[in-house]
C-alpha atoms as a PDB file:
ATOM      1  CA  MET A   1     131.248 104.615  80.953  1.00  0.00           C
ATOM      2  CA  LYS A   2     128.626 107.274  82.535  1.00  0.00           C
ATOM      3  CA  LEU A   3     125.044 106.699  83.774  1.00  0.00           C
ATOM      4  CA  SER A   4     124.192 109.193  81.564  1.00  0.00           C
ATOM      5  CA  ASP A   5     124.680 106.884  78.786  1.00  0.00           C
ATOM      6  CA  PHE A   6     122.122 104.994  79.715  1.00  0.00           C
ATOM      7  CA  ASP A   7     119.324 107.713  79.594  1.00  0.00           C
ATOM      8  CA  PHE A   8     116.506 108.438  77.465  1.00  0.00           C
ATOM      9  CA  ASP A   9     113.178 110.301  77.138  1.00  0.00           C
ATOM     10  CA  LEU A  10     110.057 108.323  77.929  1.00  0.00           C
ATOM     11  CA  PRO A  11     106.592 110.463  77.768  1.00  0.00           C
ATOM     12  CA  GLU A  12     104.411 109.425  81.279  1.00  0.00           C
ATOM     13  CA  GLY A  13     101.806 108.427  79.273  1.00  0.00           C
ATOM     14  CA  LEU A  14     103.710 105.187  78.293  1.00  0.00           C
ATOM     15  CA  ILE A  15     104.105 104.289  81.560  1.00  0.00           C
ATOM     16  CA  ALA A  16     101.394 101.559  81.862  1.00  0.00           C
ATOM     17  CA  THR A  17      99.306 101.171  85.255  1.00  0.00           C
ATOM     18  CA  ARG A  18      97.194  98.189  84.376  1.00  0.00           C
ATOM     19  CA  PRO A  19      98.296  94.890  82.114  1.00  0.00           C
ATOM     20  CA  VAL A  20      96.231  94.338  79.143  1.00  0.00           C
ATOM     21  CA  ARG A  21      94.065  91.523  79.420  1.00  0.00           C
ATOM     22  CA  PRO A  22      94.117  88.874  78.299  1.00  0.00           C
ATOM     23  CA  ARG A  23      98.075  88.550  79.102  1.00  0.00           C
ATOM     24  CA  THR A  24      98.872  87.287  75.757  1.00  0.00           C
ATOM     25  CA  ALA A  25      97.334  90.143  73.889  1.00  0.00           C
ATOM     26  CA  ALA A  26     100.314  92.605  75.068  1.00  0.00           C
ATOM     27  CA  ARG A  27     102.870  93.673  72.464  1.00  0.00           C
ATOM     28  CA  LEU A  28     105.937  92.411  71.740  1.00  0.00           C
ATOM     29  CA  LEU A  29     109.009  94.161  69.979  1.00  0.00           C
ATOM     30  CA  VAL A  30     111.152  91.547  68.873  1.00  0.00           C
ATOM     31  CA  ALA A  31     114.822  92.314  68.007  1.00  0.00           C
ATOM     32  CA  GLU A  32     116.599  89.822  65.956  1.00  0.00           C
ATOM     33  CA  GLY A  33     120.277  90.648  65.054  1.00  0.00           C
ATOM     34  CA  ASN A  34     119.945  94.219  63.874  1.00  0.00           C
ATOM     35  CA  ASP A  35     115.901  93.588  62.422  1.00  0.00           C
ATOM     36  CA  ILE A  36     113.433  95.129  64.908  1.00  0.00           C
ATOM     37  CA  ARG A  37     109.525  94.053  64.495  1.00  0.00           C
ATOM     38  CA  ASP A  38     106.510  94.093  65.834  1.00  0.00           C
ATOM     39  CA  PHE A  39     104.419  91.105  67.033  1.00  0.00           C
ATOM     40  CA  HIS A  40     102.382  90.075  70.327  1.00  0.00           C
ATOM     41  CA  VAL A  41     103.262  87.969  72.779  1.00  0.00           C
ATOM     42  CA  ARG A  42     100.579  85.156  71.393  1.00  0.00           C
ATOM     43  CA  ASP A  43     102.942  84.941  68.181  1.00  0.00           C
ATOM     44  CA  LEU A  44     105.629  83.703  70.578  1.00  0.00           C
ATOM     45  CA  VAL A  45     104.114  80.265  69.388  1.00  0.00           C
ATOM     46  CA  ASP A  46     105.641  81.255  65.947  1.00  0.00           C
ATOM     47  CA  LEU A  47     108.634  82.719  67.175  1.00  0.00           C
ATOM     48  CA  LEU A  48     110.279  79.790  69.109  1.00  0.00           C
ATOM     49  CA  GLY A  49     110.562  76.457  68.409  1.00  0.00           C
ATOM     50  CA  PRO A  50     111.747  72.894  68.859  1.00  0.00           C
ATOM     51  CA  GLY A  51     115.020  73.086  70.569  1.00  0.00           C
ATOM     52  CA  ASP A  52     114.599  76.283  72.601  1.00  0.00           C
ATOM     53  CA  ARG A  53     114.218  76.496  75.874  1.00  0.00           C
ATOM     54  CA  LEU A  54     112.678  78.972  78.210  1.00  0.00           C
ATOM     55  CA  VAL A  55     113.739  79.790  82.074  1.00  0.00           C
ATOM     56  CA  LEU A  56     111.149  80.899  84.042  1.00  0.00           C
ATOM     57  CA  ASN A  57     111.364  82.230  87.665  1.00  0.00           C
ATOM     58  CA  ASP A  58     108.533  80.564  89.672  1.00  0.00           C
ATOM     59  CA  THR A  59     108.970  83.005  92.654  1.00  0.00           C
ATOM     60  CA  LYS A  60     105.656  83.959  94.163  1.00  0.00           C
ATOM     61  CA  VAL A  61     104.687  87.694  95.278  1.00  0.00           C
ATOM     62  CA  ILE A  62     104.071  88.096  98.709  1.00  0.00           C
ATOM     63  CA  PRO A  63     101.320  90.961  99.735  1.00  0.00           C
ATOM     64  CA  ALA A  64     104.286  92.895 101.286  1.00  0.00           C
ATOM     65  CA  ARG A  65     102.776  96.629 101.900  1.00  0.00           C
ATOM     66  CA  LEU A  66     100.830  96.520 104.885  1.00  0.00           C
ATOM     67  CA  SER A  67      99.225  99.630 106.921  1.00  0.00           C
ATOM     68  CA  GLY A  68      99.442  99.992 110.633  1.00  0.00           C
ATOM     69  CA  THR A  69      99.111 102.128 113.755  1.00  0.00           C
ATOM     70  CA  ARG A  70     101.798 102.511 116.367  1.00  0.00           C
ATOM     71  CA  ARG A  71     100.728 103.632 119.427  1.00  0.00           C
ATOM     72  CA  ARG A  72     102.872 105.618 122.157  1.00  0.00           C
ATOM     73  CA  GLU A  73     102.085 106.484 125.857  1.00  0.00           C
ATOM     74  CA  THR A  74     103.120 109.880 126.641  1.00  0.00           C
ATOM     75  CA  GLY A  75     102.444 112.252 129.721  1.00  0.00           C
ATOM     76  CA  GLN A  76      99.530 113.757 127.671  1.00  0.00           C
ATOM     77  CA  GLY A  77      98.077 110.416 127.032  1.00  0.00           C
ATOM     78  CA  THR A  78      98.415 107.882 124.216  1.00  0.00           C
ATOM     79  CA  VAL A  79      99.402 109.032 120.716  1.00  0.00           C
ATOM     80  CA  GLU A  80      98.872 107.348 117.586  1.00  0.00           C
ATOM     81  CA  ALA A  81     100.627 107.185 113.909  1.00  0.00           C
ATOM     82  CA  LYS A  82      99.939 105.703 110.718  1.00  0.00           C
ATOM     83  CA  ILE A  83     102.931 103.530 109.767  1.00  0.00           C
ATOM     84  CA  GLU A  84     103.227 101.787 106.241  1.00  0.00           C
ATOM     85  CA  VAL A  85     105.539  98.975 106.046  1.00  0.00           C
ATOM     86  CA  THR A  86     107.081  97.376 102.808  1.00  0.00           C
ATOM     87  CA  LEU A  87     108.818  94.192 103.886  1.00  0.00           C
ATOM     88  CA  LEU A  88     112.109  93.383 102.317  1.00  0.00           C
ATOM     89  CA  GLU A  89     113.460  90.074 102.918  1.00  0.00           C
ATOM     90  CA  PRO A  90     113.366  87.209 105.872  1.00  0.00           C
ATOM     91  CA  ARG A  91     115.776  87.376 108.174  1.00  0.00           C
ATOM     92  CA  PRO A  92     117.171  84.455 110.590  1.00  0.00           C
ATOM     93  CA  GLY A  93     115.226  84.078 113.882  1.00  0.00           C
ATOM     94  CA  GLY A  94     111.955  84.903 111.948  1.00  0.00           C
ATOM     95  CA  LEU A  95     112.751  88.607 111.584  1.00  0.00           C
ATOM     96  CA  TRP A  96     112.114  90.928 108.766  1.00  0.00           C
ATOM     97  CA  ALA A  97     113.587  93.596 107.203  1.00  0.00           C
ATOM     98  CA  ALA A  98     110.975  96.363 106.224  1.00  0.00           C
ATOM     99  CA  LEU A  99     110.710  99.742 105.169  1.00  0.00           C
ATOM    100  CA  ALA A 100     109.025 101.863 107.573  1.00  0.00           C
ATOM    101  CA  LYS A 101     107.343 104.959 106.540  1.00  0.00           C
ATOM    102  CA  PRO A 102     107.432 107.915 107.989  1.00  0.00           C
ATOM    103  CA  LEU A 103     110.594 105.756 110.128  1.00  0.00           C
ATOM    104  CA  ARG A 104     111.422 108.719 112.050  1.00  0.00           C
ATOM    105  CA  LYS A 105     107.892 107.962 114.216  1.00  0.00           C
ATOM    106  CA  LEU A 106     109.051 104.155 114.826  1.00  0.00           C
ATOM    107  CA  LYS A 107     111.624 103.706 117.383  1.00  0.00           C
ATOM    108  CA  ALA A 108     112.959 100.391 118.594  1.00  0.00           C
ATOM    109  CA  GLY A 109     110.497  98.245 120.949  1.00  0.00           C
ATOM    110  CA  GLU A 110     107.541  99.872 119.685  1.00  0.00           C
ATOM    111  CA  THR A 111     104.779  97.836 117.990  1.00  0.00           C
ATOM    112  CA  VAL A 112     102.834  98.571 114.957  1.00  0.00           C
ATOM    113  CA  ARG A 113      99.445  96.608 114.839  1.00  0.00           C
ATOM    114  CA  PHE A 114      98.090  95.862 111.528  1.00  0.00           C
ATOM    115  CA  SER A 115      94.732  94.002 112.525  1.00  0.00           C
ATOM    116  CA  ASP A 116      93.397  92.910 115.710  1.00  0.00           C
ATOM    117  CA  ARG A 117      95.611  89.684 115.370  1.00  0.00           C
ATOM    118  CA  PHE A 118      98.622  90.739 113.584  1.00  0.00           C
ATOM    119  CA  ALA A 119     101.323  92.863 114.848  1.00  0.00           C
ATOM    120  CA  ALA A 120     105.394  93.680 114.751  1.00  0.00           C
ATOM    121  CA  ARG A 121     107.651  94.647 117.293  1.00  0.00           C
ATOM    122  CA  ALA A 122     110.466  97.163 115.967  1.00  0.00           C
ATOM    123  CA  VAL A 123     113.684  94.929 117.062  1.00  0.00           C
ATOM    124  CA  ALA A 124     115.789  97.814 115.393  1.00  0.00           C
ATOM    125  CA  VAL A 125     115.288 100.956 113.530  1.00  0.00           C
ATOM    126  CA  ALA A 126     118.519 102.027 111.680  1.00  0.00           C
ATOM    127  CA  GLU A 127     119.991 103.152 108.219  1.00  0.00           C
ATOM    128  CA  GLY A 128     116.550 103.597 106.586  1.00  0.00           C
ATOM    129  CA  GLN A 129     115.418 100.460 107.756  1.00  0.00           C
ATOM    130  CA  THR A 130     113.803  98.543 110.475  1.00  0.00           C
ATOM    131  CA  LEU A 131     114.003  94.777 111.494  1.00  0.00           C
ATOM    132  CA  LEU A 132     110.391  93.341 112.619  1.00  0.00           C
ATOM    133  CA  ASP A 133     109.603  90.566 115.005  1.00  0.00           C
ATOM    134  CA  PHE A 134     105.797  89.041 114.077  1.00  0.00           C
ATOM    135  CA  ASN A 135     103.418  87.768 116.782  1.00  0.00           C
ATOM    136  CA  LEU A 136     102.921  85.370 114.457  1.00  0.00           C
ATOM    137  CA  ASP A 137     104.564  82.837 111.912  1.00  0.00           C
ATOM    138  CA  GLY A 138     104.350  79.717 109.834  1.00  0.00           C
ATOM    139  CA  ALA A 139     101.074  79.257 108.431  1.00  0.00           C
ATOM    140  CA  ASP A 140      99.441  81.771 110.484  1.00  0.00           C
ATOM    141  CA  PHE A 141     102.071  84.288 109.601  1.00  0.00           C
ATOM    142  CA  ASP A 142     100.956  83.610 105.787  1.00  0.00           C
ATOM    143  CA  ALA A 143      97.516  83.517 106.418  1.00  0.00           C
ATOM    144  CA  ALA A 144      97.061  86.866 108.238  1.00  0.00           C
ATOM    145  CA  LEU A 145      99.768  88.222 105.979  1.00  0.00           C
ATOM    146  CA  ALA A 146      97.373  87.618 102.976  1.00  0.00           C
ATOM    147  CA  GLU A 147      94.508  89.417 105.003  1.00  0.00           C
ATOM    148  CA  ALA A 148      96.524  92.288 105.912  1.00  0.00           C
ATOM    149  CA  GLY A 149      98.591  93.096 102.832  1.00  0.00           C
ATOM    150  CA  THR A 150      98.478  94.198  99.671  1.00  0.00           C
ATOM    151  CA  MET A 151     100.768  93.902  96.430  1.00  0.00           C
ATOM    152  CA  PRO A 152     103.827  96.033  96.640  1.00  0.00           C
ATOM    153  CA  LEU A 153     103.339  97.819  93.274  1.00  0.00           C
ATOM    154  CA  PRO A 154     106.507  99.219  91.808  1.00  0.00           C
ATOM    155  CA  PRO A 155     107.169 102.810  93.311  1.00  0.00           C
ATOM    156  CA  TYR A 156     106.210 104.549  89.701  1.00  0.00           C
ATOM    157  CA  ILE A 157     102.667 102.961  89.689  1.00  0.00           C
ATOM    158  CA  ALA A 158     102.037 103.239  93.273  1.00  0.00           C
ATOM    159  CA  ALA A 159     102.649 107.050  92.735  1.00  0.00           C
ATOM    160  CA  LEU A 160      99.989 107.051  90.092  1.00  0.00           C
ATOM    161  CA  ARG A 161      97.198 104.886  91.915  1.00  0.00           C
ATOM    162  CA  VAL A 162      96.711 102.597  95.169  1.00  0.00           C
ATOM    163  CA  PRO A 163      97.168  98.853  94.764  1.00  0.00           C
ATOM    164  CA  ASP A 164      93.458  96.783  94.788  1.00  0.00           C
ATOM    165  CA  ASP A 165      92.364  93.429  94.711  1.00  0.00           C
ATOM    166  CA  ARG A 166      93.077  92.992  90.805  1.00  0.00           C
ATOM    167  CA  ASP A 167      96.683  93.510  91.519  1.00  0.00           C
ATOM    168  CA  ARG A 168      96.864  90.110  93.507  1.00  0.00           C
ATOM    169  CA  GLU A 169      96.094  88.472  90.093  1.00  0.00           C
ATOM    170  CA  ASP A 170      97.557  90.701  87.842  1.00  0.00           C
ATOM    171  CA  TYR A 171     101.069  90.976  89.759  1.00  0.00           C
ATOM    172  CA  GLN A 172     101.551  87.301  90.240  1.00  0.00           C
ATOM    173  CA  THR A 173     102.696  84.895  87.379  1.00  0.00           C
ATOM    174  CA  VAL A 174     100.503  81.988  86.500  1.00  0.00           C
ATOM    175  CA  PHE A 175     103.167  79.633  87.553  1.00  0.00           C
ATOM    176  CA  ALA A 176     104.313  81.304  90.815  1.00  0.00           C
ATOM    177  CA  ARG A 177     104.882  78.536  93.410  1.00  0.00           C
ATOM    178  CA  ASN A 178     107.675  79.579  95.704  1.00  0.00           C
ATOM    179  CA  SER A 179     106.575  82.619  98.070  1.00  0.00           C
ATOM    180  CA  GLY A 180     109.492  85.222  99.068  1.00  0.00           C
ATOM    181  CA  ALA A 181     109.410  87.743  96.129  1.00  0.00           C
ATOM    182  CA  VAL A 182     108.344  91.514  96.812  1.00  0.00           C
ATOM    183  CA  ALA A 183     108.539  92.485  93.050  1.00  0.00           C
ATOM    184  CA  ALA A 184     107.593  90.043  90.559  1.00  0.00           C
ATOM    185  CA  PRO A 185     109.399  88.718  87.754  1.00  0.00           C
ATOM    186  CA  THR A 186     107.057  91.246  85.059  1.00  0.00           C
ATOM    187  CA  ALA A 187     108.209  89.426  81.895  1.00  0.00           C
ATOM    188  CA  SER A 188     106.522  86.148  83.186  1.00  0.00           C
ATOM    189  CA  LEU A 189     103.445  88.358  83.762  1.00  0.00           C
ATOM    190  CA  HIS A 190     102.575  88.052  79.522  1.00  0.00           C
ATOM    191  CA  PHE A 191     101.984  84.112  79.895  1.00  0.00           C
ATOM    192  CA  ASP A 192      98.713  82.095  80.601  1.00  0.00           C
ATOM    193  CA  GLU A 193      98.313  78.610  80.829  1.00  0.00           C
ATOM    194  CA  GLY A 194      96.842  78.353  77.055  1.00  0.00           C
ATOM    195  CA  LEU A 195     100.377  80.267  76.058  1.00  0.00           C
ATOM    196  CA  LEU A 196     102.167  77.760  78.003  1.00  0.00           C
ATOM    197  CA  ALA A 197     100.529  74.590  76.397  1.00  0.00           C
ATOM    198  CA  ALA A 198     100.917  76.091  73.257  1.00  0.00           C
ATOM    199  CA  LEU A 199     104.655  76.382  73.270  1.00  0.00           C
ATOM    200  CA  ALA A 200     104.884  73.144  74.651  1.00  0.00           C
ATOM    201  CA  ALA A 201     103.128  71.346  71.931  1.00  0.00           C
ATOM    202  CA  LYS A 202     105.239  73.330  69.548  1.00  0.00           C
ATOM    203  CA  GLY A 203     108.394  71.731  71.362  1.00  0.00           C
ATOM    204  CA  VAL A 204     109.656  74.393  73.250  1.00  0.00           C
ATOM    205  CA  ALA A 205     110.886  73.337  76.405  1.00  0.00           C
ATOM    206  CA  PHE A 206     110.826  74.975  79.884  1.00  0.00           C
ATOM    207  CA  THR A 207     113.226  75.282  83.069  1.00  0.00           C
ATOM    208  CA  HIS A 208     112.189  76.350  86.196  1.00  0.00           C
ATOM    209  CA  VAL A 209     114.133  78.241  88.564  1.00  0.00           C
ATOM    210  CA  THR A 210     113.500  80.899  91.549  1.00  0.00           C
ATOM    211  CA  LEU A 211     115.064  84.296  92.456  1.00  0.00           C
ATOM    212  CA  HIS A 212     113.138  85.642  94.977  1.00  0.00           C
ATOM    213  CA  VAL A 213     113.213  89.209  93.518  1.00  0.00           C
ATOM    214  CA  GLY A 214     113.502  92.180  96.251  1.00  0.00           C
ATOM    215  CA  ALA A 215     112.766  95.919  96.609  1.00  0.00           C
ATOM    216  CA  GLY A 216     116.448  96.484  95.144  1.00  0.00           C
ATOM    217  CA  THR A 217     115.276  96.032  92.054  1.00  0.00           C
ATOM    218  CA  PHE A 218     114.156  99.530  92.199  1.00  0.00           C
ATOM    219  CA  LEU A 219     116.877 101.302  93.672  1.00  0.00           C
ATOM    220  CA  PRO A 220     118.342 104.184  91.464  1.00  0.00           C
ATOM    221  CA  VAL A 221     122.105 103.946  90.412  1.00  0.00           C
ATOM    222  CA  LYS A 222     123.544 107.039  91.794  1.00  0.00           C
ATOM    223  CA  VAL A 223     127.092 106.778  90.946  1.00  0.00           C
ATOM    224  CA  GLU A 224     128.374 108.621  87.828  1.00  0.00           C
ATOM    225  CA  ASP A 225     130.900 105.578  86.748  1.00  0.00           C
ATOM    226  CA  VAL A 226     128.298 102.986  86.441  1.00  0.00           C
ATOM    227  CA  THR A 227     131.388 100.128  86.945  1.00  0.00           C
ATOM    228  CA  THR A 228     131.225 101.175  90.696  1.00  0.00           C
ATOM    229  CA  HIS A 229     128.058 100.594  91.290  1.00  0.00           C
ATOM    230  CA  ARG A 230     127.207  97.982  93.591  1.00  0.00           C
ATOM    231  CA  MET A 231     124.364  95.788  93.180  1.00  0.00           C
ATOM    232  CA  HIS A 232     121.342  94.602  95.562  1.00  0.00           C
ATOM    233  CA  ALA A 233     121.823  90.818  96.555  1.00  0.00           C
ATOM    234  CA  GLU A 234     118.991  88.586  95.733  1.00  0.00           C
ATOM    235  CA  TRP A 235     118.434  84.566  97.323  1.00  0.00           C
ATOM    236  CA  GLY A 236     118.362  82.418  94.170  1.00  0.00           C
ATOM    237  CA  GLU A 237     118.121  78.596  93.517  1.00  0.00           C
ATOM    238  CA  VAL A 238     119.226  76.457  90.446  1.00  0.00           C
ATOM    239  CA  THR A 239     118.355  73.013  91.045  1.00  0.00           C
ATOM    240  CA  ALA A 240     120.265  69.963  89.592  1.00  0.00           C
ATOM    241  CA  ALA A 241     117.707  68.902  87.580  1.00  0.00           C
ATOM    242  CA  ALA A 242     117.133  72.301  85.888  1.00  0.00           C
ATOM    243  CA  ALA A 243     121.110  72.739  85.203  1.00  0.00           C
ATOM    244  CA  ASP A 244     120.865  69.596  83.682  1.00  0.00           C
ATOM    245  CA  GLU A 245     118.295  70.430  81.096  1.00  0.00           C
ATOM    246  CA  ILE A 246     119.845  73.974  80.343  1.00  0.00           C
ATOM    247  CA  ASN A 247     123.407  71.772  79.769  1.00  0.00           C
ATOM    248  CA  ALA A 248     121.221  69.378  77.497  1.00  0.00           C
ATOM    249  CA  THR A 249     120.174  72.059  75.582  1.00  0.00           C
ATOM    250  CA  ARG A 250     123.331  74.063  74.942  1.00  0.00           C
ATOM    251  CA  ALA A 251     124.756  70.588  73.807  1.00  0.00           C
ATOM    252  CA  ALA A 252     122.314  70.022  71.283  1.00  0.00           C
ATOM    253  CA  GLY A 253     122.600  73.390  69.965  1.00  0.00           C
ATOM    254  CA  GLY A 254     119.099  74.757  71.234  1.00  0.00           C
ATOM    255  CA  ARG A 255     118.583  78.228  72.349  1.00  0.00           C
ATOM    256  CA  VAL A 256     118.599  79.213  75.974  1.00  0.00           C
ATOM    257  CA  ILE A 257     116.303  82.315  76.454  1.00  0.00           C
ATOM    258  CA  PRO A 258     115.554  83.045  79.840  1.00  0.00           C
ATOM    259  CA  VAL A 259     112.199  84.743  80.728  1.00  0.00           C
ATOM    260  CA  GLY A 260     112.928  88.324  82.709  1.00  0.00           C
ATOM    261  CA  THR A 261     115.933  89.730  83.554  1.00  0.00           C
ATOM    262  CA  THR A 262     115.886  88.028  87.245  1.00  0.00           C
ATOM    263  CA  ALA A 263     116.069  84.299  85.698  1.00  0.00           C
ATOM    264  CA  LEU A 264     118.829  85.530  83.419  1.00  0.00           C
ATOM    265  CA  ARG A 265     120.706  86.866  86.173  1.00  0.00           C
ATOM    266  CA  LEU A 266     120.296  83.729  88.322  1.00  0.00           C
ATOM    267  CA  ILE A 267     121.462  81.460  85.364  1.00  0.00           C
ATOM    268  CA  GLU A 268     124.529  83.316  84.829  1.00  0.00           C
ATOM    269  CA  SER A 269     125.703  83.508  88.295  1.00  0.00           C
ATOM    270  CA  ALA A 270     125.099  79.255  88.401  1.00  0.00           C
ATOM    271  CA  ALA A 271     127.329  78.754  85.294  1.00  0.00           C
ATOM    272  CA  ASN A 272     130.760  78.860  84.924  1.00  0.00           C
ATOM    273  CA  GLU A 273     133.341  80.396  82.838  1.00  0.00           C
ATOM    274  CA  ALA A 274     132.798  77.757  79.889  1.00  0.00           C
ATOM    275  CA  GLY A 275     129.523  77.963  80.164  1.00  0.00           C
ATOM    276  CA  GLN A 276     128.351  74.503  82.272  1.00  0.00           C
ATOM    277  CA  MET A 277     125.812  75.088  84.232  1.00  0.00           C
ATOM    278  CA  HIS A 278     125.601  73.360  88.110  1.00  0.00           C
ATOM    279  CA  SER A 279     123.384  73.889  90.919  1.00  0.00           C
ATOM    280  CA  TRP A 280     123.403  76.618  92.599  1.00  0.00           C
ATOM    281  CA  ARG A 281     121.650  77.977  95.665  1.00  0.00           C
ATOM    282  CA  GLY A 282     122.340  81.613  97.816  1.00  0.00           C
ATOM    283  CA  PRO A 283     122.542  85.045  97.263  1.00  0.00           C
ATOM    284  CA  THR A 284     123.776  86.578  93.891  1.00  0.00           C
ATOM    285  CA  ASP A 285     124.595  90.497  93.522  1.00  0.00           C
ATOM    286  CA  ILE A 286     125.876  89.955  90.085  1.00  0.00           C
ATOM    287  CA  PHE A 287     125.845  93.273  88.199  1.00  0.00           C
ATOM    288  CA  ILE A 288     125.714  92.740  84.406  1.00  0.00           C
ATOM    289  CA  TYR A 289     126.606  96.056  82.299  1.00  0.00           C
ATOM    290  CA  PRO A 290     128.018  96.498  78.710  1.00  0.00           C
ATOM    291  CA  GLY A 291     131.493  94.232  78.318  1.00  0.00           C
ATOM    292  CA  TYR A 292     129.866  91.305  80.180  1.00  0.00           C
ATOM    293  CA  ARG A 293     130.549  87.909  78.091  1.00  0.00           C
ATOM    294  CA  PHE A 294     127.353  86.178  78.732  1.00  0.00           C
ATOM    295  CA  ARG A 295     127.949  82.161  79.658  1.00  0.00           C
ATOM    296  CA  VAL A 296     124.623  80.400  78.676  1.00  0.00           C
ATOM    297  CA  THR A 297     122.279  83.199  77.814  1.00  0.00           C
ATOM    298  CA  ASP A 298     121.339  83.301  74.127  1.00  0.00           C
ATOM    299  CA  GLY A 299     118.567  85.694  74.120  1.00  0.00           C
ATOM    300  CA  LEU A 300     116.291  87.607  76.675  1.00  0.00           C
ATOM    301  CA  MET A 301     112.271  88.033  76.912  1.00  0.00           C
ATOM    302  CA  THR A 302     111.962  91.183  78.885  1.00  0.00           C
ATOM    303  CA  ASN A 303     110.106  94.197  79.299  1.00  0.00           C
ATOM    304  CA  PHE A 304     111.050  97.865  78.980  1.00  0.00           C
ATOM    305  CA  HIS A 305     113.142  99.428  81.651  1.00  0.00           C
ATOM    306  CA  LEU A 306     113.813 102.492  83.544  1.00  0.00           C
ATOM    307  CA  PRO A 307     116.190 105.142  82.067  1.00  0.00           C
ATOM    308  CA  LYS A 308     119.315 104.831  83.939  1.00  0.00           C
ATOM    309  CA  SER A 309     118.607 101.540  85.581  1.00  0.00           C
ATOM    310  CA  THR A 310     120.659  98.320  85.843  1.00  0.00           C
ATOM    311  CA  LEU A 311     118.329  96.876  83.881  1.00  0.00           C
ATOM    312  CA  LEU A 312     118.834  98.924  81.193  1.00  0.00           C
ATOM    313  CA  MET A 313     122.333  98.457  81.467  1.00  0.00           C
ATOM    314  CA  LEU A 314     121.979  94.412  81.003  1.00  0.00           C
ATOM    315  CA  VAL A 315     119.840  94.868  77.741  1.00  0.00           C
ATOM    316  CA  SER A 316     122.484  97.104  76.656  1.00  0.00           C
ATOM    317  CA  ALA A 317     125.189  94.385  77.548  1.00  0.00           C
ATOM    318  CA  LEU A 318     123.306  91.505  75.938  1.00  0.00           C
ATOM    319  CA  MET A 319     122.342  93.531  72.961  1.00  0.00           C
ATOM    320  CA  GLY A 320     125.058  96.227  72.329  1.00  0.00           C
ATOM    321  CA  HIS A 321     124.473 100.082  73.302  1.00  0.00           C
ATOM    322  CA  ASP A 322     123.730 101.400  70.107  1.00  0.00           C
ATOM    323  CA  ARG A 323     121.283  98.326  69.291  1.00  0.00           C
ATOM    324  CA  ILE A 324     119.360  99.118  72.499  1.00  0.00           C
ATOM    325  CA  ARG A 325     118.891 102.724  71.808  1.00  0.00           C
ATOM    326  CA  ARG A 326     117.668 101.999  68.550  1.00  0.00           C
ATOM    327  CA  ILE A 327     114.975  99.548  69.900  1.00  0.00           C
ATOM    328  CA  TYR A 328     114.119 101.919  72.710  1.00  0.00           C
ATOM    329  CA  ALA A 329     113.665 104.786  70.139  1.00  0.00           C
ATOM    330  CA  HIS A 330     111.508 102.325  67.900  1.00  0.00           C
ATOM    331  CA  ALA A 331     109.532 101.492  71.048  1.00  0.00           C
ATOM    332  CA  VAL A 332     108.957 104.653  72.035  1.00  0.00           C
ATOM    333  CA  GLY A 333     107.935 106.026  68.732  1.00  0.00           C
ATOM    334  CA  ALA A 334     105.473 102.731  68.278  1.00  0.00           C
ATOM    335  CA  GLU A 335     103.939 103.863  71.470  1.00  0.00           C
ATOM    336  CA  TYR A 336     104.650 100.466  73.470  1.00  0.00           C
ATOM    337  CA  ARG A 337     103.777 100.590  76.977  1.00  0.00           C
ATOM    338  CA  PHE A 338     106.597 100.566  79.607  1.00  0.00           C
ATOM    339  CA  PHE A 339     107.667  99.070  82.918  1.00  0.00           C
ATOM    340  CA  SER A 340     106.120  96.567  85.126  1.00  0.00           C
ATOM    341  CA  TYR A 341     102.891  96.230  83.598  1.00  0.00           C
ATOM    342  CA  GLY A 342     103.778  97.263  80.045  1.00  0.00           C
ATOM    343  CA  ASP A 343     104.745  95.373  77.030  1.00  0.00           C
ATOM    344  CA  GLY A 344     107.136  92.804  76.260  1.00  0.00           C
ATOM    345  CA  SER A 345     110.427  92.391  74.244  1.00  0.00           C
ATOM    346  CA  LEU A 346     112.182  89.547  72.876  1.00  0.00           C
ATOM    347  CA  LEU A 347     116.134  90.348  72.330  1.00  0.00           C
ATOM    348  CA  LEU A 348     118.055  87.908  70.361  1.00  0.00           C
ATOM    349  CA  PRO A 349     121.400  89.209  69.608  1.00  0.00           C
ATOM    350  CA  GLU A 350     122.117  86.713  66.353  1.00  0.00           C
ATOM    351  CA  ARG A 351     119.734  86.487  63.565  1.00  0.00           C
ATOM    352  CA  ARG A 352     118.945  82.572  63.361  1.00  0.00           C
ATOM    353  CA  ASN A 353     115.672  82.283  61.718  1.00  0.00           C
ATOM    354  CA  PRO A 354     114.775  85.030  58.963  1.00  0.00           C
ATOM    355  CA  ALA A 355     111.732  83.227  58.153  1.00  0.00           C
ATOM    356  CA  ALA A 356     109.901  84.047  61.649  1.00  0.00           C
ATOM    357  CA  LEU A 357     110.641  87.739  60.810  1.00  0.00           C
ATOM    358  CA  SER A 358     108.685  87.649  57.430  1.00  0.00           C
ATOM    359  CA  ARG A 359     105.549  88.615  58.595  1.00  0.00           C
ATOM    360  CA  SER A 360     104.220  91.318  60.714  1.00  0.00           C
ATOM    361  CA  GLY A 361     102.256  90.523  64.264  1.00  0.00           C
ATOM    362  CA  THR A 362      99.916  93.204  64.004  1.00  0.00           C
END
């Protein structure tokens, strides 16, 4: 299985740098079995029904990107350097692993100041990262980060424009409640309170799980044999109540449909070989590529992913490599908007409800 098997041509003009408003106005490609149809996210009310369960990742993105100044005393006086920091994940003792740019201008023991009252000391600098010890913790840290930080937009958006205040709302789900992610579960960005209420009234059930999405989700695959790729680890939790809800849906014959690849990877990590869910807490580095046997997932709502990415490999495992190629060719031809702020898709390997696909979502 070669990396080149997961490549495709994507015109740069299809990369979304802003989401549509309202959120539910985003387009939704629905692939059910071998059928492909065009809808909008608001049409989920007609596409799903009683017995279906959506699994939502309730992680909350922190404003993890910081701009600061490092000062160094030399024989010629004080030398300043601008340092851009992106927090990656918390470490024991209140420390944070982070990327620093340019890393060569930061040494262990030096301090980067982000505001008058907010600063961090570099405890270590190695292997492309730094370990930071901030001068604030707890609620004080959260407040200072909210004031000084910006949302950590994906690199393919950040390369086209700078983050702004609008991203604080756009790059956060309406059900975010557990802080810790440095990237959003982007398929969930399409939901608003009105759509959630309408789905609930239709009889669609919801289960909340938490997976703190890390910056590793954007790391490229660098090996030609994809089966040898080592997946980054991310921390997640499935509570006993969440596991019971999913088990009950499966026992009743309903469909379990995670919203986003993060929710999918988490519930697959928490299920045993027989498809039984259990409470689960800890890091997961599950890597899903073609040949994987899904344990609890019946479908997936997700955005459109980068060429040669682990996420494209995941959806290829769910739908089949040939079907995904057809789906993505359709998406490019129909000018769907791609990546984090782009349009969505509902991927259902088996066709169970032909009537729902009998109309167009235009």
